[in-house]
Amino acid sequence: MNVRIGKRTQHFRTVTFHAGTNRVVLVEHRLLPHRFGLIETADFRETARAIKDMIVRGAGAIGATAAYEVAQGARAFRGRDLSNFSRHVERVCQTLREARPTAVDPVNAMDEVRRAMRAGKTVEERQAIAVAAAEEFANEDVRHCEAIGKHGAKLIRDGLRVLTHCNAGWLAFVDIGSATAPLYAAQARGRKFHVFCDETRPRCQGATLTAWEFAQQGISHEVIADNAAGWLMARGEIDLVIVGSDRTLGRTGEVANKIGTYTKAVLAHRHGIPFYVAIPLSTIDWKIRSGRDIPIEERNASEVLGAWGTDGRGRREYVRVANPTSGARNPGFDVTPPELITGIITPKGIFRPHELRAKRALLQDRS
């Protein structure tokens, strides 16, 4: 995506890898929308912490970061023994598995890099393959988002009013985004539309990240409180909902996404509004058989009890909002059943949730 920094406009990917220093380079999500900045992680443990602390977040972005982390960890190994190297890589992957459990993209990314590495006959060969495989995973993420935009753009007509939830944009992927891809593609074709960005409490990624992206891109938009969506739907002011996903079950069509997605799906169903989910192929989980088995991340209560912002000098500051003696529950995700989903926009086309299983061969073809 192109980012305006002062008077300059420069293209950035959300996550890249610097082979010369063996560092992963990330856009620092927590600084936005007030300041755009990059951060470099020096080793695989720092990279895992960046995912856990949400310096980088979003299904595709943490998937690519995970791929680069495996390469980063592999290249840090000193020695020639393949057995010791394999145990080291497993420690790297275990560190990542503990970072954020709900999204499946990091697991798929690790599996792809490790599968590719098996072709290497020496530690050195496997280290080189790891970097190439991580780069391919990141590039594939971009290609998939481009294809999502191509298929989804036909849903976006002139004058449409669209609701988004959380951030499934460029920042949540390597480039372009999933839920935003149809919007960016439609804009490129000259279509005019308006987007309502759910604020997406408690971390407000809709208000801070999606709205910032649309401002950068020049897309007409407004931020709304999460609880305002139902009122706007009842008034006929929302025509379409597009969200992303952190894990979509290929067997059932159930979708795990940012908390509040299920609520929006219920509201859209009540008001007869099409509800679409946009996903790259790396977000599909073919193993889990039921949405009840998806691990739902419980995050720190402080996110619900207060909020982050910036002071007059531009410094990040946390402010307690809730009653000082109260606790909070903070599930980060919920699961939307397939009967509430109109269609799933994939790089291979738009399908009904129940069609995913029948299309498995097509959807597992990453070409």
Protein backbone atom coordinates (compact mmCIF):
# COMPACT_ATOMS: atom_id res chain seq x y z
CA MET A 1 0.00 0.00 0.00
CA ASN A 2 1.12 3.56 -0.61
CA VAL A 3 1.56 5.60 2.57
CA ARG A 4 1.81 9.37 2.77
CA ILE A 5 4.65 10.43 5.05
CA GLY A 6 4.85 14.21 5.11
CA LYS A 7 4.96 15.23 1.46
CA ARG A 8 6.24 11.87 0.24
CA THR A 9 4.25 8.81 -0.79
CA GLN A 10 6.01 5.48 -0.42
CA HIS A 11 4.95 1.87 -0.91
CA PHE A 12 5.24 -0.45 2.09
CA ARG A 13 4.47 -4.05 2.87
CA THR A 14 3.23 -4.75 6.37
CA VAL A 15 6.00 -7.29 6.96
CA THR A 16 9.32 -7.84 5.19
CA PHE A 17 12.58 -9.66 5.90
CA HIS A 18 16.10 -8.24 5.82
CA ALA A 19 18.39 -11.15 5.05
CA GLY A 20 21.58 -9.16 5.63
CA THR A 21 20.76 -8.54 9.30
CA ASN A 22 18.43 -11.53 9.80
CA ARG A 23 15.71 -9.19 11.06
CA VAL A 24 11.98 -9.11 10.46
CA VAL A 25 10.75 -5.60 9.63
CA LEU A 26 7.20 -4.77 10.72
CA VAL A 27 4.84 -1.82 10.52
CA GLU A 28 4.17 -0.89 14.18
CA HIS A 29 0.37 -1.14 14.36
CA ARG A 30 0.13 0.25 17.88
CA LEU A 31 1.41 3.68 16.79
CA LEU A 32 -1.31 4.16 14.19
CA PRO A 33 -3.18 6.26 13.26
CA HIS A 34 -1.16 8.98 14.97
CA ARG A 35 2.27 7.99 13.72
CA PHE A 36 3.59 5.63 11.05
CA GLY A 37 6.69 3.70 12.02
CA LEU A 38 8.63 0.47 11.49
CA ILE A 39 10.18 -1.89 14.00
CA GLU A 40 12.85 -4.56 13.47
CA THR A 41 12.96 -7.74 15.54
CA ALA A 42 16.43 -9.07 16.25
CA ASP A 43 15.60 -12.76 16.84
CA PHE A 44 12.72 -15.23 16.71
CA ARG A 45 11.75 -14.59 20.33
CA GLU A 46 11.37 -10.88 19.66
CA THR A 47 9.33 -11.69 16.57
CA ALA A 48 7.00 -13.93 18.59
CA ARG A 49 6.59 -11.17 21.18
CA ALA A 50 5.72 -8.72 18.40
CA ILE A 51 2.86 -11.04 17.43
CA LYS A 52 1.73 -11.61 21.02
CA ASP A 53 1.86 -7.88 21.88
CA MET A 54 0.03 -7.01 18.63
CA ILE A 55 2.81 -4.88 17.21
CA VAL A 56 1.74 -6.82 14.13
CA ARG A 57 -1.73 -8.40 13.91
CA GLY A 58 -4.16 -9.73 11.36
CA ALA A 59 -4.36 -13.22 9.87
CA GLY A 60 -2.14 -12.83 6.81
CA ALA A 61 0.33 -10.48 8.46
CA ILE A 62 1.05 -12.77 11.38
CA GLY A 63 1.14 -15.70 8.98
CA ALA A 64 3.88 -14.04 6.93
CA THR A 65 5.61 -12.93 10.13
CA ALA A 66 5.53 -16.54 11.32
CA ALA A 67 7.06 -17.72 8.06
CA TYR A 68 9.84 -15.17 8.37
CA GLU A 69 10.31 -16.09 12.04
CA VAL A 70 10.98 -19.70 11.11
CA ALA A 71 13.55 -18.53 8.57
CA GLN A 72 15.02 -16.09 11.07
CA GLY A 73 15.31 -18.77 13.72
CA ALA A 74 16.72 -21.31 11.27
CA ARG A 75 19.41 -18.91 10.07
CA ALA A 76 20.46 -18.19 13.66
CA PHE A 77 21.45 -21.84 14.16
CA ARG A 78 25.20 -22.48 14.33
CA GLY A 79 26.32 -25.98 13.50
CA ARG A 80 26.05 -28.69 10.87
CA ASP A 81 24.16 -31.47 12.63
CA LEU A 82 20.72 -31.88 11.04
CA SER A 83 19.18 -33.51 14.11
CA ASN A 84 20.19 -30.61 16.35
CA PHE A 85 19.02 -28.20 13.67
CA SER A 86 15.58 -29.86 13.51
CA ARG A 87 15.21 -29.68 17.29
CA HIS A 88 16.16 -26.00 17.17
CA VAL A 89 13.55 -25.28 14.48
CA GLU A 90 10.91 -27.07 16.56
CA ARG A 91 11.74 -24.80 19.53
CA VAL A 92 11.34 -21.80 17.23
CA CYS A 93 7.92 -23.02 16.10
CA GLN A 94 6.78 -23.83 19.63
CA THR A 95 7.61 -20.28 20.70
CA LEU A 96 5.39 -19.01 17.91
CA ARG A 97 2.52 -21.42 18.62
CA GLU A 98 2.21 -19.91 22.09
CA ALA A 99 1.94 -16.34 20.80
CA ARG A 100 -1.67 -16.21 19.52
CA PRO A 101 -3.78 -19.38 19.28
CA THR A 102 -6.91 -18.51 17.27
CA ALA A 103 -5.52 -17.63 13.82
CA VAL A 104 -4.56 -20.62 11.68
CA ASP A 105 -2.37 -18.68 9.21
CA PRO A 106 0.78 -18.88 11.41
CA VAL A 107 0.38 -22.65 11.71
CA ASN A 108 -0.06 -23.03 7.96
CA ALA A 109 2.92 -20.73 7.37
CA MET A 110 5.18 -22.75 9.67
CA ASP A 111 4.06 -26.00 8.08
CA GLU A 112 4.77 -24.71 4.57
CA VAL A 113 8.26 -23.46 5.42
CA ARG A 114 9.18 -26.62 7.29
CA ARG A 115 7.82 -28.82 4.50
CA ALA A 116 9.93 -26.95 1.95
CA MET A 117 13.04 -27.22 4.13
CA ARG A 118 13.00 -31.02 3.97
CA ALA A 119 14.41 -30.82 0.45
CA GLY A 120 17.70 -29.49 1.82
CA LYS A 121 20.51 -32.00 2.36
CA THR A 122 22.53 -29.80 4.71
CA VAL A 123 21.81 -27.21 7.40
CA GLU A 124 23.01 -24.48 5.07
CA GLU A 125 20.69 -25.61 2.28
CA ARG A 126 17.72 -25.77 4.65
CA GLN A 127 18.44 -22.29 5.95
CA ALA A 128 18.46 -20.91 2.41
CA ILE A 129 15.26 -22.78 1.54
CA ALA A 130 13.56 -21.39 4.66
CA VAL A 131 14.12 -17.82 3.49
CA ALA A 132 12.88 -18.59 -0.03
CA ALA A 133 9.81 -20.40 1.31
CA ALA A 134 8.97 -17.54 3.67
CA GLU A 135 9.25 -15.03 0.83
CA GLU A 136 6.98 -17.20 -1.29
CA PHE A 137 4.38 -17.40 1.50
CA ALA A 138 4.38 -13.58 1.76
CA ASN A 139 4.17 -13.14 -2.01
CA GLU A 140 1.38 -15.70 -2.19
CA ASP A 141 -0.55 -13.72 0.42
CA VAL A 142 -0.42 -10.68 -1.86
CA ARG A 143 -1.50 -12.69 -4.90
CA HIS A 144 -4.41 -14.17 -2.97
CA CYS A 145 -5.56 -10.74 -1.82
CA GLU A 146 -5.39 -9.45 -5.39
CA ALA A 147 -7.57 -12.38 -6.51
CA ILE A 148 -10.03 -11.75 -3.65
CA GLY A 149 -10.32 -8.18 -4.90
CA LYS A 150 -10.97 -9.33 -8.45
CA HIS A 151 -13.76 -11.71 -7.42
CA GLY A 152 -15.26 -9.45 -4.77
CA ALA A 153 -15.26 -6.21 -6.77
CA LYS A 154 -18.43 -7.29 -8.58
CA LEU A 155 -20.28 -7.01 -5.25
CA ILE A 156 -19.43 -3.31 -4.96
CA ARG A 157 -21.74 -1.14 -7.05
CA ASP A 158 -21.94 2.64 -7.23
CA GLY A 159 -23.65 4.19 -4.22
CA LEU A 160 -23.24 1.08 -2.04
CA ARG A 161 -22.96 1.53 1.73
CA VAL A 162 -20.67 -1.09 3.25
CA LEU A 163 -20.00 -2.09 6.85
CA THR A 164 -16.60 -3.43 7.91
CA HIS A 165 -15.56 -4.87 11.26
CA CYS A 166 -12.08 -4.74 12.77
CA ASN A 167 -9.20 -4.43 10.29
CA ALA A 168 -8.90 -6.96 7.48
CA GLY A 169 -7.01 -4.52 5.29
CA TRP A 170 -3.47 -4.01 4.09
CA LEU A 171 -2.23 -3.83 7.68
CA ALA A 172 -3.71 -7.24 8.48
CA PHE A 173 -2.02 -8.86 5.48
CA VAL A 174 1.23 -8.37 3.58
CA ASP A 175 -0.49 -5.99 1.16
CA ILE A 176 -4.00 -5.08 -0.11
CA GLY A 177 -5.99 -6.96 2.55
CA SER A 178 -8.89 -9.42 2.40
CA ALA A 179 -12.12 -7.59 3.30
CA THR A 180 -10.72 -4.38 1.84
CA ALA A 181 -9.53 -6.01 -1.40
CA PRO A 182 -12.94 -5.79 -3.14
CA LEU A 183 -13.21 -2.16 -2.05
CA TYR A 184 -9.77 -1.21 -3.33
CA ALA A 185 -10.44 -3.06 -6.60
CA ALA A 186 -13.81 -1.32 -7.02
CA GLN A 187 -12.22 2.05 -6.32
CA ALA A 188 -9.59 1.36 -8.99
CA ARG A 189 -12.46 0.78 -11.43
CA GLY A 190 -13.92 4.19 -10.62
CA ARG A 191 -16.84 3.11 -8.45
CA LYS A 192 -18.08 5.43 -5.68
CA PHE A 193 -19.26 3.96 -2.40
CA HIS A 194 -19.22 4.69 1.33
CA VAL A 195 -17.86 2.54 4.16
CA PHE A 196 -18.91 2.48 7.81
CA CYS A 197 -16.01 1.31 9.96
CA ASP A 198 -17.06 -0.40 13.19
CA GLU A 199 -14.78 0.97 15.90
CA THR A 200 -14.24 -2.65 17.08
CA ARG A 201 -13.77 -2.45 20.80
CA PRO A 202 -11.80 -3.14 22.84
CA ARG A 203 -8.69 -2.41 20.74
CA CYS A 204 -10.55 -0.22 18.23
CA GLN A 205 -8.80 -1.55 15.12
CA GLY A 206 -11.66 -0.34 12.96
CA ALA A 207 -11.39 3.23 14.23
CA THR A 208 -7.60 3.35 14.28
CA LEU A 209 -6.43 1.08 11.46
CA THR A 210 -9.20 0.57 8.89
CA ALA A 211 -10.20 4.24 9.01
CA TRP A 212 -6.53 5.24 8.62
CA GLU A 213 -6.18 2.96 5.60
CA PHE A 214 -9.28 4.43 3.95
CA ALA A 215 -8.05 7.94 4.65
CA GLN A 216 -4.72 7.07 3.01
CA GLN A 217 -6.56 5.53 0.07
CA GLY A 218 -9.11 8.32 -0.31
CA ILE A 219 -12.16 6.10 0.28
CA SER A 220 -15.30 7.75 1.65
CA HIS A 221 -15.85 6.44 5.18
CA GLU A 222 -17.11 7.14 8.69
CA VAL A 223 -16.33 5.49 12.02
CA ILE A 224 -19.32 4.23 14.00
CA ALA A 225 -19.68 2.81 17.51
CA ASP A 226 -20.04 -0.96 17.41
CA ASN A 227 -23.57 -0.78 18.78
CA ALA A 228 -24.70 1.70 16.10
CA ALA A 229 -24.67 -0.87 13.30
CA GLY A 230 -28.07 -2.34 14.13
CA TRP A 231 -29.73 1.09 14.10
CA LEU A 232 -28.19 1.94 10.73
CA MET A 233 -29.31 -1.40 9.33
CA ALA A 234 -32.85 -0.84 10.58
CA ARG A 235 -32.87 2.55 8.82
CA GLY A 236 -31.75 0.98 5.55
CA GLU A 237 -28.36 2.73 5.62
CA ILE A 238 -26.19 -0.40 5.23
CA ASP A 239 -26.36 -2.49 2.05
CA LEU A 240 -23.52 -4.98 2.51
CA VAL A 241 -21.20 -6.34 5.21
CA ILE A 242 -17.69 -7.61 4.44
CA VAL A 243 -15.42 -8.98 7.16
CA GLY A 244 -12.24 -11.00 7.33
CA SER A 245 -11.47 -14.22 9.19
CA ASP A 246 -8.71 -15.60 11.36
CA ARG A 247 -9.78 -19.21 10.86
CA THR A 248 -12.45 -20.62 8.54
CA LEU A 249 -13.36 -24.28 8.89
CA GLY A 250 -13.31 -25.96 5.50
CA ARG A 251 -15.45 -28.84 6.77
CA THR A 252 -18.32 -26.70 8.13
CA GLY A 253 -17.95 -23.14 6.81
CA GLU A 254 -17.82 -21.71 10.34
CA VAL A 255 -15.82 -18.50 10.65
CA ALA A 256 -13.72 -17.33 13.61
CA ASN A 257 -13.09 -13.60 13.49
CA LYS A 258 -12.71 -10.59 15.74
CA ILE A 259 -15.19 -10.48 18.62
CA GLY A 260 -18.41 -8.85 17.48
CA THR A 261 -18.44 -10.46 14.04
CA TYR A 262 -21.13 -12.93 15.12
CA THR A 263 -23.25 -10.04 16.39
CA LYS A 264 -23.01 -8.25 13.04
CA ALA A 265 -23.91 -11.46 11.20
CA VAL A 266 -27.04 -11.89 13.34
CA LEU A 267 -28.03 -8.27 12.70
CA ALA A 268 -27.40 -8.57 8.96
CA HIS A 269 -29.47 -11.76 8.81
CA ARG A 270 -32.33 -10.06 10.70
CA HIS A 271 -32.39 -7.18 8.21
CA GLY A 272 -31.80 -9.21 5.03
CA ILE A 273 -28.37 -7.68 4.35
CA PRO A 274 -25.74 -9.77 2.51
CA PHE A 275 -22.90 -10.82 4.83
CA TYR A 276 -19.62 -11.83 3.16
CA VAL A 277 -16.33 -13.14 4.55
CA ALA A 278 -13.10 -12.59 2.57
CA ILE A 279 -10.23 -15.05 3.10
CA PRO A 280 -6.94 -16.12 1.52
CA LEU A 281 -6.44 -19.87 1.27
CA SER A 282 -4.02 -19.85 4.21
CA THR A 283 -6.95 -19.01 6.52
CA ILE A 284 -8.80 -22.28 5.83
CA ASP A 285 -8.50 -24.98 8.49
CA TRP A 286 -9.27 -28.44 7.07
CA LYS A 287 -8.58 -30.30 10.33
CA ILE A 288 -10.92 -28.93 13.00
CA ARG A 289 -14.41 -30.40 12.68
CA SER A 290 -16.45 -27.95 14.77
CA GLY A 291 -16.34 -24.26 15.63
CA ARG A 292 -16.60 -25.23 19.29
CA ASP A 293 -13.09 -26.68 19.01
CA ILE A 294 -11.49 -23.45 17.75
CA PRO A 295 -9.17 -22.08 20.46
CA ILE A 296 -10.50 -18.64 21.39
CA GLU A 297 -7.87 -16.29 22.73
CA GLU A 298 -8.70 -14.61 26.05
CA ARG A 299 -6.79 -11.36 26.19
CA ASN A 300 -5.86 -9.14 29.13
CA ALA A 301 -8.79 -7.50 30.95
CA SER A 302 -7.02 -4.12 30.75
CA GLU A 303 -8.05 -3.84 27.10
CA VAL A 304 -11.71 -3.76 28.12
CA LEU A 305 -11.24 -1.68 31.26
CA GLY A 306 -9.38 1.15 29.53
CA ALA A 307 -8.10 2.46 26.22
CA TRP A 308 -4.87 3.52 24.56
CA GLY A 309 -4.46 6.88 22.86
CA THR A 310 -1.95 9.68 22.48
CA ASP A 311 -1.40 12.74 24.64
CA GLY A 312 -0.80 16.28 23.39
CA ARG A 313 2.83 15.44 22.66
CA GLY A 314 1.97 12.37 20.60
CA ARG A 315 3.02 9.88 23.27
CA ARG A 316 1.01 6.66 23.69
CA GLU A 317 -0.91 6.65 26.94
CA TYR A 318 -3.30 4.21 28.61
CA VAL A 319 -6.38 5.61 30.34
CA ARG A 320 -8.53 3.60 32.74
CA VAL A 321 -12.21 4.01 31.82
CA ALA A 322 -14.06 1.41 33.88
CA ASN A 323 -14.83 1.38 37.59
CA PRO A 324 -11.46 0.92 39.37
CA THR A 325 -12.45 -2.20 41.32
CA SER A 326 -14.16 -4.07 38.46
CA GLY A 327 -12.75 -6.92 36.44
CA ALA A 328 -13.56 -7.88 32.84
CA ARG A 329 -13.83 -10.77 30.39
CA ASN A 330 -12.00 -10.25 27.11
CA PRO A 331 -12.48 -12.98 24.49
CA GLY A 332 -10.69 -11.80 21.36
CA PHE A 333 -12.75 -13.74 18.82
CA ASP A 334 -16.14 -15.33 18.21
CA VAL A 335 -17.46 -17.92 15.77
CA THR A 336 -20.12 -17.22 13.13
CA PRO A 337 -22.19 -20.21 11.92
CA PRO A 338 -22.49 -20.82 8.18
CA GLU A 339 -26.23 -20.17 7.99
CA LEU A 340 -25.57 -16.49 8.73
CA ILE A 341 -22.98 -16.12 5.94
CA THR A 342 -24.08 -15.21 2.41
CA GLY A 343 -20.78 -16.11 0.79
CA ILE A 344 -17.06 -16.58 1.33
CA ILE A 345 -14.83 -14.64 -1.06
CA THR A 346 -11.69 -16.64 -1.82
CA PRO A 347 -8.91 -16.31 -4.40
CA LYS A 348 -10.68 -19.08 -6.34
CA GLY A 349 -14.11 -17.47 -6.39
CA ILE A 350 -17.10 -16.80 -4.14
CA PHE A 351 -18.67 -19.84 -2.49
CA ARG A 352 -21.45 -20.61 -0.04
CA PRO A 353 -20.01 -21.83 3.28
CA HIS A 354 -21.31 -25.36 2.75
CA GLU A 355 -19.56 -25.51 -0.65
CA LEU A 356 -16.04 -25.26 0.81
CA ARG A 357 -15.79 -28.94 1.61
CA ALA A 358 -16.88 -29.97 -1.89
CA LYS A 359 -14.34 -27.50 -3.36
CA ARG A 360 -11.47 -28.76 -1.22
CA ALA A 361 -9.28 -29.86 -4.13
CA LEU A 362 -9.65 -26.47 -5.76
CA LEU A 363 -9.09 -24.55 -2.54
CA GLN A 364 -6.00 -26.55 -1.61
CA ASP A 365 -4.43 -25.74 -4.98
CA ARG A 366 -2.24 -22.77 -4.06
CA SER A 367 -1.35 -21.91 -7.67
